[in-house]
Amino acid sequence: MIDQKLEKGYAVEYLIFDVKPDLIDKFIEMDHDHWTLFLKDQPGFVSKELWVNRSKPGEVTAVICWHTMEEWKAIPLEKLIETDRRFTELFGPENFQLVKADHLANERYKVREYRITV
C-alpha cells in the first residue's frame, strides 16, 4: 500500500475532452503517443492519468501532475502549440474538443495519495 503525504503538493492540470464515443480507444492511444511521451520528458512532470466517464459517453478527463506550477508553466509555448497541432491534425479536429481546462479557474494541488498495490 502506498500512503504518500506530499509536503508542498503537486500542481494538477485538469482537462476534460468530448471525443466521438467510437474513437475513445484511438484517442487514448494517440494521446499517449503524442502528449504523454512529450510531457514525460518535460522538467517537473510527475504523472498522467486518463479517466473515461461511462455515464457520459465520449467524455475523457486527463489529470496531469507536476512537481511545481513553475516547472509546468515553463514548458515553451511553441512546443505545446506544435504538439497540439500534430495531435489535432492526425486525430482530426472534428473528432474531439477540449471542453474544460479546469486548472485555468481553479489552482489544484495533490497533497496526499493512498493506493493499494497489487
Protein backbone atom coordinates (compact mmCIF):
# COMPACT_ATOMS: atom_id res chain seq x y z
CA MET A 1 0.00 0.00 0.00
CA ILE A 2 1.18 3.50 -0.80
CA ASP A 3 0.45 6.27 1.68
CA GLN A 4 2.29 9.32 0.45
CA LYS A 5 1.93 12.75 2.02
CA LEU A 6 3.20 15.48 -0.29
CA GLU A 7 4.65 18.37 1.69
CA LYS A 8 4.21 21.05 -0.96
CA GLY A 9 1.76 19.19 -3.15
CA TYR A 10 1.86 18.61 -6.88
CA ALA A 11 0.33 21.14 -9.26
CA VAL A 12 -2.59 19.49 -11.09
CA GLU A 13 -3.60 20.11 -14.69
CA TYR A 14 -7.21 19.01 -15.24
CA LEU A 15 -8.61 18.73 -18.78
CA ILE A 16 -11.97 17.43 -19.99
CA PHE A 17 -12.45 16.37 -23.61
CA ASP A 18 -15.51 15.42 -25.63
CA VAL A 19 -14.48 12.64 -28.02
CA LYS A 20 -16.59 10.77 -30.55
CA PRO A 21 -17.51 7.67 -28.49
CA ASP A 22 -16.46 5.19 -31.17
CA LEU A 23 -12.98 6.78 -31.22
CA ILE A 24 -12.21 6.68 -27.48
CA ASP A 25 -9.63 3.88 -27.76
CA LYS A 26 -7.91 5.63 -30.66
CA PHE A 27 -7.90 8.92 -28.70
CA ILE A 28 -6.30 7.24 -25.68
CA GLU A 29 -3.57 5.63 -27.78
CA MET A 30 -2.83 8.77 -29.78
CA ASP A 31 -2.88 10.91 -26.65
CA HIS A 32 -0.21 8.62 -25.20
CA ASP A 33 1.88 8.61 -28.36
CA HIS A 34 1.82 12.40 -28.76
CA TRP A 35 1.05 14.12 -25.47
CA THR A 36 2.22 11.71 -22.78
CA LEU A 37 5.52 10.94 -24.49
CA PHE A 38 6.11 14.69 -24.94
CA LEU A 39 5.13 15.60 -21.37
CA LYS A 40 7.18 12.86 -19.68
CA ASP A 41 10.38 14.50 -20.95
CA GLN A 42 9.50 17.91 -19.50
CA PRO A 43 11.13 19.01 -16.23
CA GLY A 44 8.73 18.62 -13.33
CA PHE A 45 6.44 16.01 -14.90
CA VAL A 46 5.20 13.53 -12.27
CA SER A 47 2.28 11.54 -13.69
CA LYS A 48 -0.69 11.46 -16.03
CA GLU A 49 -4.00 9.61 -15.81
CA LEU A 50 -6.87 9.38 -18.28
CA TRP A 51 -10.37 8.77 -16.98
CA VAL A 52 -13.39 7.76 -19.08
CA ASN A 53 -16.85 8.75 -17.88
CA ARG A 54 -19.18 5.81 -18.56
CA SER A 55 -22.18 7.97 -17.62
CA LYS A 56 -21.30 10.44 -20.38
CA PRO A 57 -20.14 8.56 -23.49
CA GLY A 58 -17.23 10.36 -25.10
CA GLU A 59 -16.08 12.27 -22.03
CA VAL A 60 -12.38 11.80 -21.26
CA THR A 61 -10.62 13.54 -18.38
CA ALA A 62 -6.84 13.98 -18.25
CA VAL A 63 -5.24 14.58 -14.85
CA ILE A 64 -1.59 15.57 -15.06
CA CYS A 65 0.61 16.20 -12.01
CA TRP A 66 3.68 18.43 -11.89
CA HIS A 67 6.27 18.92 -9.13
CA THR A 68 5.67 22.66 -9.22
CA MET A 69 3.47 25.14 -11.02
CA GLU A 70 6.62 26.94 -12.17
CA GLU A 71 8.04 23.85 -13.91
CA TRP A 72 4.72 23.15 -15.59
CA LYS A 73 4.34 26.73 -16.82
CA ALA A 74 7.96 26.82 -18.04
CA ILE A 75 7.23 24.46 -20.94
CA PRO A 76 7.87 26.54 -24.07
CA LEU A 77 4.59 27.64 -25.61
CA GLU A 78 5.81 26.86 -29.13
CA LYS A 79 6.41 23.21 -28.13
CA LEU A 80 2.88 22.94 -26.72
CA ILE A 81 1.40 24.51 -29.84
CA GLU A 82 3.36 22.18 -32.13
CA THR A 83 2.38 19.05 -30.14
CA ASP A 84 -1.26 20.14 -30.17
CA ARG A 85 -1.14 20.88 -33.91
CA ARG A 86 0.31 17.45 -34.73
CA PHE A 87 -2.16 15.61 -32.48
CA THR A 88 -5.16 17.53 -33.84
CA GLU A 89 -4.07 17.06 -37.45
CA LEU A 90 -3.62 13.29 -37.05
CA PHE A 91 -6.67 12.59 -34.86
CA GLY A 92 -8.93 15.01 -36.71
CA PRO A 93 -10.28 18.26 -35.28
CA GLU A 94 -13.83 17.07 -35.97
CA ASN A 95 -13.34 14.04 -33.68
CA PHE A 96 -12.72 15.75 -30.34
CA GLN A 97 -12.98 19.01 -28.47
CA LEU A 98 -11.42 20.35 -25.29
CA VAL A 99 -14.49 21.36 -23.29
CA LYS A 100 -12.90 22.37 -20.00
CA ALA A 101 -9.47 23.27 -18.67
CA ASP A 102 -10.47 23.40 -15.02
CA HIS A 103 -6.98 24.37 -13.88
CA LEU A 104 -7.48 27.78 -15.52
CA ALA A 105 -10.15 28.67 -12.95
CA ASN A 106 -9.01 26.52 -10.03
CA GLU A 107 -5.45 26.04 -8.81
CA ARG A 108 -5.46 22.43 -7.60
CA TYR A 109 -2.71 20.60 -5.71
CA LYS A 110 -2.42 16.90 -4.97
CA VAL A 111 -1.43 16.70 -1.30
CA ARG A 112 -1.85 13.05 -0.38
CA GLU A 113 -2.20 9.71 -2.13
CA TYR A 114 -3.45 6.38 -0.83
CA ARG A 115 -3.10 3.49 -3.21
CA ILE A 116 -3.35 -0.25 -2.81
CA THR A 117 -0.72 -2.06 -4.84
CA VAL A 118 -1.46 -5.49 -6.21
